[in-house]
Amino acid sequence: MIGLFKPYWTRWLDRRIPAASSVRLDQRKIFIRPTRIGAVYVLALVPMLLAAINYQNSLAYGLTFLLGSVFVVAILHTYRNLAGLTLKAVAAEAVFLGEQGILRVRLEDRRRAHQAIGLGWSQDALQLVDVPVQGAGDCELSLTTLRRGWLRPGRLRIESRFPLGILVAWSWVDLDQALLVYPRPLPGELPQSAGGGDELEELGLHPLGHGCDDFQGLRAYQPGDSRQRLHWKAYSRGQGLLIKDFATLSGRDPQLDFAALDGDVETRLARLCHWVLKLSARHQPFALHLPGRTLAADSGDAHRERCLRALALFGAAP
């Protein structure tokens, strides 16, 4: 039955609370109802009122109306704990398939504090955060990545049961968040040429010296050098920032070609992802060829991100 009305509920929410990167909660966006404890609380007032009427007991009347007024006041305070709160989406970092994606949400209010605000995509797995007066509260929400491409979690539930827990005020907001998921890197050799040859020769790479991992000496640090190659012992001795220099690779730039690989689409993309990361770590220029798109040979972090993005969005609708 719930599934039948879900499309109507979704369209109604889209009209009432449209998607936006920043949403301020007001009376139009907040819903409120009793919790299970609150429902029992209200039901308990009924026999108390009947007993007070039957016995004409002033103390019973007073207790019943006192507890009833507490329920009414709790409605106001539960609503106020959400009202005026502003939710903002924070940029999310891309992850690889299989990793936990992290989406960040910032809660702000310059007028008053908010306590025990629950956030999450599942009502059973909410994270609680407090928002101080004229401050902000940051919340990191994790998502399991099941496929590459854009991961859009949909509407986020935000709720409050403060102060008594007998009522729950909530809202469903769409912060228009999206997380880019790269293919999972899959180690594997690239296809060999007809004449055979080892992996480096197929890539057109030839080490200068005895091997591509041979230590050649130290040189002065230059902006853009990998920090993993810093010689920290020399720095501790006061010799300045020095870089461990290894034998480099020469020859034509590697051509990572989707069509030259075997296997299904996801396997090919996973192997290409592995080689994009491996060649980028070597600071080796390379080109990437995908059906309908070619990225010219280049190197650096920007080229690495372009290639990973192209692999993640391969086959996706424009």
C-alpha atoms as a PDB file:
ATOM      1  CA  MET A   1       0.000   0.000   0.000  1.00  0.00           C
ATOM      2  CA  ILE A   2       2.842   2.386   0.893  1.00  0.00           C
ATOM      3  CA  GLY A   3       4.503   1.678  -2.461  1.00  0.00           C
ATOM      4  CA  LEU A   4       1.367   2.758  -4.319  1.00  0.00           C
ATOM      5  CA  PHE A   5       1.401   6.226  -2.761  1.00  0.00           C
ATOM      6  CA  LYS A   6       5.185   6.727  -2.832  1.00  0.00           C
ATOM      7  CA  PRO A   7       5.249   8.387  -6.323  1.00  0.00           C
ATOM      8  CA  TYR A   8       2.552  10.860  -5.244  1.00  0.00           C
ATOM      9  CA  TRP A   9       4.389  11.548  -1.984  1.00  0.00           C
ATOM     10  CA  THR A  10       7.639  12.145  -3.873  1.00  0.00           C
ATOM     11  CA  ARG A  11       6.049  14.572  -6.338  1.00  0.00           C
ATOM     12  CA  TRP A  12       4.331  16.421  -3.500  1.00  0.00           C
ATOM     13  CA  LEU A  13       7.641  16.768  -1.637  1.00  0.00           C
ATOM     14  CA  ASP A  14       9.383  18.022  -4.783  1.00  0.00           C
ATOM     15  CA  ARG A  15       6.831  20.809  -5.044  1.00  0.00           C
ATOM     16  CA  ARG A  16       6.761  21.674  -1.363  1.00  0.00           C
ATOM     17  CA  ILE A  17      10.511  21.320  -0.611  1.00  0.00           C
ATOM     18  CA  PRO A  18      12.419  21.708  -3.905  1.00  0.00           C
ATOM     19  CA  ALA A  19      16.037  20.622  -4.198  1.00  0.00           C
ATOM     20  CA  ALA A  20      18.648  23.254  -3.259  1.00  0.00           C
ATOM     21  CA  SER A  21      22.206  23.288  -1.945  1.00  0.00           C
ATOM     22  CA  SER A  22      21.013  25.351   1.048  1.00  0.00           C
ATOM     23  CA  VAL A  23      17.656  24.872   2.785  1.00  0.00           C
ATOM     24  CA  ARG A  24      16.229  26.849   5.704  1.00  0.00           C
ATOM     25  CA  LEU A  25      13.591  25.013   7.719  1.00  0.00           C
ATOM     26  CA  ASP A  26      10.326  26.835   8.435  1.00  0.00           C
ATOM     27  CA  GLN A  27       6.716  25.919   9.129  1.00  0.00           C
ATOM     28  CA  ARG A  28       6.173  24.922   5.501  1.00  0.00           C
ATOM     29  CA  LYS A  29       8.965  22.342   5.583  1.00  0.00           C
ATOM     30  CA  ILE A  30       8.538  20.871   9.086  1.00  0.00           C
ATOM     31  CA  PHE A  31       6.118  18.080  10.008  1.00  0.00           C
ATOM     32  CA  ILE A  32       5.328  16.924  13.536  1.00  0.00           C
ATOM     33  CA  ARG A  33       3.542  13.986  15.166  1.00  0.00           C
ATOM     34  CA  PRO A  34       3.564  12.045  18.451  1.00  0.00           C
ATOM     35  CA  THR A  35       6.073   9.242  18.878  1.00  0.00           C
ATOM     36  CA  ARG A  36       4.997   5.853  20.195  1.00  0.00           C
ATOM     37  CA  ILE A  37       5.767   7.045  23.695  1.00  0.00           C
ATOM     38  CA  GLY A  38       3.781  10.209  23.000  1.00  0.00           C
ATOM     39  CA  ALA A  39       0.793   8.218  21.754  1.00  0.00           C
ATOM     40  CA  VAL A  40       0.810   6.144  24.963  1.00  0.00           C
ATOM     41  CA  TYR A  41       1.151   9.390  26.916  1.00  0.00           C
ATOM     42  CA  VAL A  42      -1.991  10.829  25.283  1.00  0.00           C
ATOM     43  CA  LEU A  43      -3.954   7.582  25.706  1.00  0.00           C
ATOM     44  CA  ALA A  44      -3.074   7.520  29.394  1.00  0.00           C
ATOM     45  CA  LEU A  45      -4.700  10.938  29.834  1.00  0.00           C
ATOM     46  CA  VAL A  46      -8.085   9.602  28.703  1.00  0.00           C
ATOM     47  CA  PRO A  47      -8.760   7.245  31.662  1.00  0.00           C
ATOM     48  CA  MET A  48      -7.307   9.868  34.017  1.00  0.00           C
ATOM     49  CA  LEU A  49      -9.834  12.409  32.725  1.00  0.00           C
ATOM     50  CA  LEU A  50     -12.693   9.864  32.967  1.00  0.00           C
ATOM     51  CA  ALA A  51     -11.718   9.046  36.551  1.00  0.00           C
ATOM     52  CA  ALA A  52     -11.607  12.745  37.452  1.00  0.00           C
ATOM     53  CA  ILE A  53     -15.075  13.261  35.953  1.00  0.00           C
ATOM     54  CA  ASN A  54     -16.484  10.170  37.647  1.00  0.00           C
ATOM     55  CA  TYR A  55     -15.193  11.020  41.115  1.00  0.00           C
ATOM     56  CA  GLN A  56     -15.299  14.815  40.708  1.00  0.00           C
ATOM     57  CA  ASN A  57     -11.789  14.950  42.148  1.00  0.00           C
ATOM     58  CA  SER A  58     -10.108  18.327  41.829  1.00  0.00           C
ATOM     59  CA  LEU A  59      -6.612  16.892  42.233  1.00  0.00           C
ATOM     60  CA  ALA A  60      -7.275  14.382  39.437  1.00  0.00           C
ATOM     61  CA  TYR A  61      -8.485  17.224  37.220  1.00  0.00           C
ATOM     62  CA  GLY A  62      -5.404  19.259  38.025  1.00  0.00           C
ATOM     63  CA  LEU A  63      -2.999  16.426  37.293  1.00  0.00           C
ATOM     64  CA  THR A  64      -4.736  15.538  34.025  1.00  0.00           C
ATOM     65  CA  PHE A  65      -4.758  19.124  32.721  1.00  0.00           C
ATOM     66  CA  LEU A  66      -1.166  19.647  33.887  1.00  0.00           C
ATOM     67  CA  LEU A  67       0.051  16.646  31.932  1.00  0.00           C
ATOM     68  CA  GLY A  68      -2.042  17.717  28.940  1.00  0.00           C
ATOM     69  CA  SER A  69      -0.519  21.189  28.988  1.00  0.00           C
ATOM     70  CA  VAL A  70       2.968  19.631  29.094  1.00  0.00           C
ATOM     71  CA  PHE A  71       2.134  17.801  25.876  1.00  0.00           C
ATOM     72  CA  VAL A  72       0.944  21.030  24.217  1.00  0.00           C
ATOM     73  CA  VAL A  73       4.054  22.948  25.307  1.00  0.00           C
ATOM     74  CA  ALA A  74       6.261  20.081  24.051  1.00  0.00           C
ATOM     75  CA  ILE A  75       4.756  20.591  20.581  1.00  0.00           C
ATOM     76  CA  LEU A  76       6.085  24.142  20.500  1.00  0.00           C
ATOM     77  CA  HIS A  77       9.553  23.295  21.839  1.00  0.00           C
ATOM     78  CA  THR A  78      10.001  20.285  19.549  1.00  0.00           C
ATOM     79  CA  TYR A  79       9.067  22.391  16.535  1.00  0.00           C
ATOM     80  CA  ARG A  80      11.338  25.269  17.604  1.00  0.00           C
ATOM     81  CA  ASN A  81      14.299  22.917  17.822  1.00  0.00           C
ATOM     82  CA  LEU A  82      14.150  22.556  14.015  1.00  0.00           C
ATOM     83  CA  ALA A  83      12.670  25.891  12.969  1.00  0.00           C
ATOM     84  CA  GLY A  84      15.179  28.413  11.667  1.00  0.00           C
ATOM     85  CA  LEU A  85      17.888  25.826  11.083  1.00  0.00           C
ATOM     86  CA  THR A  86      19.804  26.137   7.788  1.00  0.00           C
ATOM     87  CA  LEU A  87      21.270  23.069   6.112  1.00  0.00           C
ATOM     88  CA  LYS A  88      24.095  23.490   3.598  1.00  0.00           C
ATOM     89  CA  ALA A  89      25.735  20.874   1.393  1.00  0.00           C
ATOM     90  CA  VAL A  90      29.542  20.693   1.551  1.00  0.00           C
ATOM     91  CA  ALA A  91      31.503  19.522  -1.483  1.00  0.00           C
ATOM     92  CA  ALA A  92      32.203  15.775  -1.409  1.00  0.00           C
ATOM     93  CA  GLU A  93      35.424  14.083  -2.496  1.00  0.00           C
ATOM     94  CA  ALA A  94      35.336  11.339  -5.110  1.00  0.00           C
ATOM     95  CA  VAL A  95      35.981   7.747  -4.008  1.00  0.00           C
ATOM     96  CA  PHE A  96      36.662   4.427  -5.687  1.00  0.00           C
ATOM     97  CA  LEU A  97      34.017   1.750  -6.055  1.00  0.00           C
ATOM     98  CA  GLY A  98      33.725  -0.293  -2.868  1.00  0.00           C
ATOM     99  CA  GLU A  99      34.901   2.510  -0.585  1.00  0.00           C
ATOM    100  CA  GLN A 100      32.620   4.388   1.788  1.00  0.00           C
ATOM    101  CA  GLY A 101      31.501   7.693   0.336  1.00  0.00           C
ATOM    102  CA  ILE A 102      31.434  10.628   2.739  1.00  0.00           C
ATOM    103  CA  LEU A 103      28.883  13.411   2.341  1.00  0.00           C
ATOM    104  CA  ARG A 104      29.135  16.446   4.610  1.00  0.00           C
ATOM    105  CA  VAL A 105      26.278  18.634   5.795  1.00  0.00           C
ATOM    106  CA  ARG A 106      26.634  21.891   7.731  1.00  0.00           C
ATOM    107  CA  LEU A 107      23.901  23.118  10.088  1.00  0.00           C
ATOM    108  CA  GLU A 108      23.770  26.790  11.016  1.00  0.00           C
ATOM    109  CA  ASP A 109      21.601  29.199  12.979  1.00  0.00           C
ATOM    110  CA  ARG A 110      22.660  32.634  14.201  1.00  0.00           C
ATOM    111  CA  ARG A 111      19.724  33.174  16.547  1.00  0.00           C
ATOM    112  CA  ARG A 112      19.532  30.172  18.894  1.00  0.00           C
ATOM    113  CA  ALA A 113      21.015  26.795  19.725  1.00  0.00           C
ATOM    114  CA  HIS A 114      19.629  23.444  18.610  1.00  0.00           C
ATOM    115  CA  GLN A 115      20.089  20.188  20.484  1.00  0.00           C
ATOM    116  CA  ALA A 116      20.183  16.550  19.385  1.00  0.00           C
ATOM    117  CA  ILE A 117      19.401  17.054  15.694  1.00  0.00           C
ATOM    118  CA  GLY A 118      19.263  13.716  13.881  1.00  0.00           C
ATOM    119  CA  LEU A 119      20.400  13.385  10.253  1.00  0.00           C
ATOM    120  CA  GLY A 120      20.512  10.424   7.898  1.00  0.00           C
ATOM    121  CA  TRP A 121      18.963   8.709   4.907  1.00  0.00           C
ATOM    122  CA  SER A 122      17.522   5.950   7.056  1.00  0.00           C
ATOM    123  CA  GLN A 123      15.321   6.637  10.040  1.00  0.00           C
ATOM    124  CA  ASP A 124      17.037   3.801  11.902  1.00  0.00           C
ATOM    125  CA  ALA A 125      20.578   5.144  11.402  1.00  0.00           C
ATOM    126  CA  LEU A 126      20.545   8.825  12.281  1.00  0.00           C
ATOM    127  CA  GLN A 127      23.579  10.772  13.491  1.00  0.00           C
ATOM    128  CA  LEU A 128      23.026  13.326  16.232  1.00  0.00           C
ATOM    129  CA  VAL A 129      24.621  16.771  16.131  1.00  0.00           C
ATOM    130  CA  ASP A 130      24.278  19.890  18.282  1.00  0.00           C
ATOM    131  CA  VAL A 131      24.323  23.402  16.850  1.00  0.00           C
ATOM    132  CA  PRO A 132      25.631  26.136  19.199  1.00  0.00           C
ATOM    133  CA  VAL A 133      24.324  29.694  19.271  1.00  0.00           C
ATOM    134  CA  GLN A 134      25.736  31.723  16.354  1.00  0.00           C
ATOM    135  CA  GLY A 135      27.743  28.678  15.364  1.00  0.00           C
ATOM    136  CA  ALA A 136      27.630  25.680  13.079  1.00  0.00           C
ATOM    137  CA  GLY A 137      27.560  21.932  13.414  1.00  0.00           C
ATOM    138  CA  ASP A 138      29.153  19.675  10.806  1.00  0.00           C
ATOM    139  CA  CYS A 139      27.953  16.146  10.190  1.00  0.00           C
ATOM    140  CA  GLU A 140      29.654  13.469   8.055  1.00  0.00           C
ATOM    141  CA  LEU A 141      27.331  10.858   6.594  1.00  0.00           C
ATOM    142  CA  SER A 142      28.681   7.696   4.982  1.00  0.00           C
ATOM    143  CA  LEU A 143      27.239   5.789   2.042  1.00  0.00           C
ATOM    144  CA  THR A 144      28.172   2.429   0.555  1.00  0.00           C
ATOM    145  CA  THR A 145      29.192   2.708  -3.097  1.00  0.00           C
ATOM    146  CA  LEU A 146      27.657  -0.027  -5.244  1.00  0.00           C
ATOM    147  CA  ARG A 147      28.299   1.274  -8.767  1.00  0.00           C
ATOM    148  CA  ARG A 148      30.541   3.768 -10.523  1.00  0.00           C
ATOM    149  CA  GLY A 149      29.335   7.154 -11.717  1.00  0.00           C
ATOM    150  CA  TRP A 150      27.352   9.765  -9.853  1.00  0.00           C
ATOM    151  CA  LEU A 151      25.934   8.626  -6.537  1.00  0.00           C
ATOM    152  CA  ARG A 152      22.900  10.709  -5.595  1.00  0.00           C
ATOM    153  CA  PRO A 153      21.577   9.740  -2.150  1.00  0.00           C
ATOM    154  CA  GLY A 154      18.288  11.576  -2.520  1.00  0.00           C
ATOM    155  CA  ARG A 155      16.368  13.267   0.256  1.00  0.00           C
ATOM    156  CA  LEU A 156      17.941  13.561   3.688  1.00  0.00           C
ATOM    157  CA  ARG A 157      15.860  13.069   6.818  1.00  0.00           C
ATOM    158  CA  ILE A 158      16.367  15.595   9.602  1.00  0.00           C
ATOM    159  CA  GLU A 159      14.448  15.197  12.833  1.00  0.00           C
ATOM    160  CA  SER A 160      14.238  16.295  16.468  1.00  0.00           C
ATOM    161  CA  ARG A 161      12.712  14.567  19.493  1.00  0.00           C
ATOM    162  CA  PHE A 162      13.996  17.176  21.914  1.00  0.00           C
ATOM    163  CA  PRO A 163      13.107  17.896  24.700  1.00  0.00           C
ATOM    164  CA  LEU A 164      10.860  15.073  25.985  1.00  0.00           C
ATOM    165  CA  GLY A 165      10.813  12.504  23.215  1.00  0.00           C
ATOM    166  CA  ILE A 166       7.021  12.344  23.116  1.00  0.00           C
ATOM    167  CA  LEU A 167       6.899  14.161  19.753  1.00  0.00           C
ATOM    168  CA  VAL A 168       9.057  14.038  16.672  1.00  0.00           C
ATOM    169  CA  ALA A 169       9.449  16.977  14.270  1.00  0.00           C
ATOM    170  CA  TRP A 170      11.034  16.072  10.954  1.00  0.00           C
ATOM    171  CA  SER A 171      11.603  17.120   7.386  1.00  0.00           C
ATOM    172  CA  TRP A 172      12.871  15.569   4.153  1.00  0.00           C
ATOM    173  CA  VAL A 173      15.308  17.899   2.396  1.00  0.00           C
ATOM    174  CA  ASP A 174      17.117  17.453  -0.901  1.00  0.00           C
ATOM    175  CA  LEU A 175      20.478  19.244  -0.782  1.00  0.00           C
ATOM    176  CA  ASP A 176      21.204  18.228  -4.371  1.00  0.00           C
ATOM    177  CA  GLN A 177      24.329  16.349  -3.281  1.00  0.00           C
ATOM    178  CA  ALA A 178      26.221  14.017  -5.578  1.00  0.00           C
ATOM    179  CA  LEU A 179      29.337  11.931  -5.108  1.00  0.00           C
ATOM    180  CA  LEU A 180      31.515  10.757  -7.999  1.00  0.00           C
ATOM    181  CA  VAL A 181      32.507   7.092  -7.786  1.00  0.00           C
ATOM    182  CA  TYR A 182      35.538   5.944  -9.798  1.00  0.00           C
ATOM    183  CA  PRO A 183      35.898   2.326 -10.983  1.00  0.00           C
ATOM    184  CA  ARG A 184      37.621  -0.047  -8.575  1.00  0.00           C
ATOM    185  CA  PRO A 185      41.289  -0.382  -9.669  1.00  0.00           C
ATOM    186  CA  LEU A 186      41.987  -3.881 -10.962  1.00  0.00           C
ATOM    187  CA  PRO A 187      45.658  -4.851 -11.384  1.00  0.00           C
ATOM    188  CA  GLY A 188      46.478  -6.587 -14.628  1.00  0.00           C
ATOM    189  CA  GLU A 189      48.860  -6.511 -17.539  1.00  0.00           C
ATOM    190  CA  LEU A 190      48.163  -4.508 -20.631  1.00  0.00           C
ATOM    191  CA  PRO A 191      47.898  -6.521 -23.886  1.00  0.00           C
ATOM    192  CA  GLN A 192      51.243  -7.458 -25.388  1.00  0.00           C
ATOM    193  CA  SER A 193      52.173  -6.557 -28.966  1.00  0.00           C
ATOM    194  CA  ALA A 194      52.446  -9.161 -31.690  1.00  0.00           C
ATOM    195  CA  GLY A 195      56.170  -9.409 -31.204  1.00  0.00           C
ATOM    196  CA  GLY A 196      55.831  -9.988 -27.444  1.00  0.00           C
ATOM    197  CA  GLY A 197      57.949  -8.121 -24.944  1.00  0.00           C
ATOM    198  CA  ASP A 198      57.658  -7.249 -21.330  1.00  0.00           C
ATOM    199  CA  GLU A 199      55.225  -4.819 -19.737  1.00  0.00           C
ATOM    200  CA  LEU A 200      57.417  -1.711 -19.944  1.00  0.00           C
ATOM    201  CA  GLU A 201      58.376  -2.301 -23.567  1.00  0.00           C
ATOM    202  CA  GLU A 202      54.725  -2.652 -24.532  1.00  0.00           C
ATOM    203  CA  LEU A 203      54.122   0.731 -22.918  1.00  0.00           C
ATOM    204  CA  GLY A 204      57.034   2.214 -24.836  1.00  0.00           C
ATOM    205  CA  LEU A 205      58.964   2.793 -21.601  1.00  0.00           C
ATOM    206  CA  HIS A 206      62.685   2.152 -21.306  1.00  0.00           C
ATOM    207  CA  PRO A 207      64.494   2.702 -18.025  1.00  0.00           C
ATOM    208  CA  LEU A 208      67.593   4.862 -18.038  1.00  0.00           C
ATOM    209  CA  GLY A 209      70.191   2.955 -16.058  1.00  0.00           C
ATOM    210  CA  HIS A 210      69.804  -0.474 -14.504  1.00  0.00           C
ATOM    211  CA  GLY A 211      66.089  -0.253 -13.727  1.00  0.00           C
ATOM    212  CA  CYS A 212      63.158   2.073 -13.231  1.00  0.00           C
ATOM    213  CA  ASP A 213      63.498   1.720  -9.460  1.00  0.00           C
ATOM    214  CA  ASP A 214      67.262   2.282  -9.267  1.00  0.00           C
ATOM    215  CA  PHE A 215      68.391   5.058  -6.949  1.00  0.00           C
ATOM    216  CA  GLN A 216      70.371   7.694  -8.827  1.00  0.00           C
ATOM    217  CA  GLY A 217      71.164  10.257  -6.102  1.00  0.00           C
ATOM    218  CA  LEU A 218      69.747  13.362  -4.454  1.00  0.00           C
ATOM    219  CA  ARG A 219      68.689  16.653  -5.960  1.00  0.00           C
ATOM    220  CA  ALA A 220      67.123  19.863  -4.679  1.00  0.00           C
ATOM    221  CA  TYR A 221      63.383  19.871  -4.080  1.00  0.00           C
ATOM    222  CA  GLN A 222      61.266  21.625  -6.731  1.00  0.00           C
ATOM    223  CA  PRO A 223      57.577  22.573  -6.480  1.00  0.00           C
ATOM    224  CA  GLY A 224      55.462  19.728  -7.803  1.00  0.00           C
ATOM    225  CA  ASP A 225      57.797  16.928  -6.654  1.00  0.00           C
ATOM    226  CA  SER A 226      56.186  14.051  -4.783  1.00  0.00           C
ATOM    227  CA  ARG A 227      56.482  14.363  -1.017  1.00  0.00           C
ATOM    228  CA  GLN A 228      56.878  10.600  -0.772  1.00  0.00           C
ATOM    229  CA  ARG A 229      60.357  10.975  -2.300  1.00  0.00           C
ATOM    230  CA  LEU A 230      61.585  13.572   0.208  1.00  0.00           C
ATOM    231  CA  HIS A 231      64.823  12.633   1.996  1.00  0.00           C
ATOM    232  CA  TRP A 232      63.800  13.381   5.571  1.00  0.00           C
ATOM    233  CA  LYS A 233      67.097  12.279   7.098  1.00  0.00           C
ATOM    234  CA  ALA A 234      68.967  14.899   5.094  1.00  0.00           C
ATOM    235  CA  TYR A 235      66.397  17.506   6.134  1.00  0.00           C
ATOM    236  CA  SER A 236      66.856  16.599   9.820  1.00  0.00           C
ATOM    237  CA  ARG A 237      70.607  17.111   9.401  1.00  0.00           C
ATOM    238  CA  GLY A 238      69.976  20.657   8.160  1.00  0.00           C
ATOM    239  CA  GLN A 239      70.830  19.950   4.517  1.00  0.00           C
ATOM    240  CA  GLY A 240      67.539  21.370   3.243  1.00  0.00           C
ATOM    241  CA  LEU A 241      64.787  19.689   1.251  1.00  0.00           C
ATOM    242  CA  LEU A 242      66.250  17.030  -1.033  1.00  0.00           C
ATOM    243  CA  ILE A 243      64.498  14.597  -3.347  1.00  0.00           C
ATOM    244  CA  LYS A 244      65.492  10.997  -3.951  1.00  0.00           C
ATOM    245  CA  ASP A 245      66.135  10.754  -7.683  1.00  0.00           C
ATOM    246  CA  PHE A 246      65.441   7.440  -9.390  1.00  0.00           C
ATOM    247  CA  ALA A 247      66.012   6.297 -12.929  1.00  0.00           C
ATOM    248  CA  THR A 248      63.362   7.754 -15.195  1.00  0.00           C
ATOM    249  CA  LEU A 249      61.447   6.243 -18.055  1.00  0.00           C
ATOM    250  CA  SER A 250      61.913   7.286 -21.644  1.00  0.00           C
ATOM    251  CA  GLY A 251      60.260   6.438 -24.938  1.00  0.00           C
ATOM    252  CA  ARG A 252      56.890   7.058 -26.476  1.00  0.00           C
ATOM    253  CA  ASP A 253      53.992   7.889 -24.211  1.00  0.00           C
ATOM    254  CA  PRO A 254      51.803   4.925 -23.177  1.00  0.00           C
ATOM    255  CA  GLN A 255      48.461   4.634 -24.922  1.00  0.00           C
ATOM    256  CA  LEU A 256      45.744   3.253 -22.655  1.00  0.00           C
ATOM    257  CA  ASP A 257      43.170   1.912 -25.086  1.00  0.00           C
ATOM    258  CA  PHE A 258      39.787   0.553 -24.036  1.00  0.00           C
ATOM    259  CA  ALA A 259      39.407  -1.377 -27.310  1.00  0.00           C
ATOM    260  CA  ALA A 260      42.706  -3.232 -26.822  1.00  0.00           C
ATOM    261  CA  LEU A 261      41.561  -4.896 -23.589  1.00  0.00           C
ATOM    262  CA  ASP A 262      39.604  -8.099 -23.082  1.00  0.00           C
ATOM    263  CA  GLY A 263      36.636  -8.651 -20.800  1.00  0.00           C
ATOM    264  CA  ASP A 264      33.381  -6.861 -20.106  1.00  0.00           C
ATOM    265  CA  VAL A 265      33.022  -3.098 -19.832  1.00  0.00           C
ATOM    266  CA  GLU A 266      33.502  -2.861 -16.078  1.00  0.00           C
ATOM    267  CA  THR A 267      36.582  -5.092 -16.124  1.00  0.00           C
ATOM    268  CA  ARG A 268      38.191  -2.987 -18.839  1.00  0.00           C
ATOM    269  CA  LEU A 269      37.449   0.248 -16.999  1.00  0.00           C
ATOM    270  CA  ALA A 270      38.828  -1.214 -13.767  1.00  0.00           C
ATOM    271  CA  ARG A 271      42.095  -2.191 -15.464  1.00  0.00           C
ATOM    272  CA  LEU A 272      42.395   1.211 -17.120  1.00  0.00           C
ATOM    273  CA  CYS A 273      41.800   2.830 -13.740  1.00  0.00           C
ATOM    274  CA  HIS A 274      44.668   0.817 -12.278  1.00  0.00           C
ATOM    275  CA  TRP A 275      47.033   1.971 -15.014  1.00  0.00           C
ATOM    276  CA  VAL A 276      45.928   5.589 -14.744  1.00  0.00           C
ATOM    277  CA  LEU A 277      46.869   5.542 -11.070  1.00  0.00           C
ATOM    278  CA  LYS A 278      50.107   3.644 -11.672  1.00  0.00           C
ATOM    279  CA  LEU A 279      51.389   5.887 -14.454  1.00  0.00           C
ATOM    280  CA  SER A 280      50.312   9.037 -12.614  1.00  0.00           C
ATOM    281  CA  ALA A 281      52.345   7.913  -9.587  1.00  0.00           C
ATOM    282  CA  ARG A 282      55.374   7.611 -11.926  1.00  0.00           C
ATOM    283  CA  HIS A 283      54.725  11.114 -13.306  1.00  0.00           C
ATOM    284  CA  GLN A 284      54.682   9.470 -16.752  1.00  0.00           C
ATOM    285  CA  PRO A 285      52.637  11.147 -19.514  1.00  0.00           C
ATOM    286  CA  PHE A 286      50.013   8.867 -21.049  1.00  0.00           C
ATOM    287  CA  ALA A 287      46.972   9.041 -23.303  1.00  0.00           C
ATOM    288  CA  LEU A 288      43.574   7.468 -22.717  1.00  0.00           C
ATOM    289  CA  HIS A 289      41.377   6.191 -25.538  1.00  0.00           C
ATOM    290  CA  LEU A 290      37.716   5.446 -24.861  1.00  0.00           C
ATOM    291  CA  PRO A 291      34.976   4.815 -27.414  1.00  0.00           C
ATOM    292  CA  GLY A 292      33.922   8.252 -28.605  1.00  0.00           C
ATOM    293  CA  ARG A 293      36.506  10.123 -26.558  1.00  0.00           C
ATOM    294  CA  THR A 294      40.278  10.520 -26.457  1.00  0.00           C
ATOM    295  CA  LEU A 295      42.357  12.299 -23.845  1.00  0.00           C
ATOM    296  CA  ALA A 296      45.704  13.381 -25.247  1.00  0.00           C
ATOM    297  CA  ALA A 297      48.949  12.407 -23.572  1.00  0.00           C
ATOM    298  CA  ASP A 298      49.676  14.472 -20.497  1.00  0.00           C
ATOM    299  CA  SER A 299      50.705  14.102 -16.851  1.00  0.00           C
ATOM    300  CA  GLY A 300      49.962  15.686 -13.504  1.00  0.00           C
ATOM    301  CA  ASP A 301      47.085  15.659 -11.041  1.00  0.00           C
ATOM    302  CA  ALA A 302      44.708  17.487 -13.382  1.00  0.00           C
ATOM    303  CA  HIS A 303      45.219  14.887 -16.137  1.00  0.00           C
ATOM    304  CA  ARG A 304      44.779  12.086 -13.603  1.00  0.00           C
ATOM    305  CA  GLU A 305      41.461  13.536 -12.426  1.00  0.00           C
ATOM    306  CA  ARG A 306      40.236  14.027 -16.007  1.00  0.00           C
ATOM    307  CA  CYS A 307      40.983  10.407 -16.839  1.00  0.00           C
ATOM    308  CA  LEU A 308      39.391   9.025 -13.682  1.00  0.00           C
ATOM    309  CA  ARG A 309      36.316  11.167 -14.280  1.00  0.00           C
ATOM    310  CA  ALA A 310      36.064   9.932 -17.863  1.00  0.00           C
ATOM    311  CA  LEU A 311      36.266   6.319 -16.660  1.00  0.00           C
ATOM    312  CA  ALA A 312      33.673   6.908 -13.939  1.00  0.00           C
ATOM    313  CA  LEU A 313      31.173   8.505 -16.303  1.00  0.00           C
ATOM    314  CA  PHE A 314      31.769   6.219 -19.295  1.00  0.00           C
ATOM    315  CA  GLY A 315      28.448   5.203 -20.789  1.00  0.00           C
ATOM    316  CA  ALA A 316      26.447   7.589 -18.599  1.00  0.00           C
ATOM    317  CA  ALA A 317      23.783   9.793 -20.169  1.00  0.00           C
ATOM    318  CA  PRO A 318      25.088  13.331 -20.854  1.00  0.00           C
END
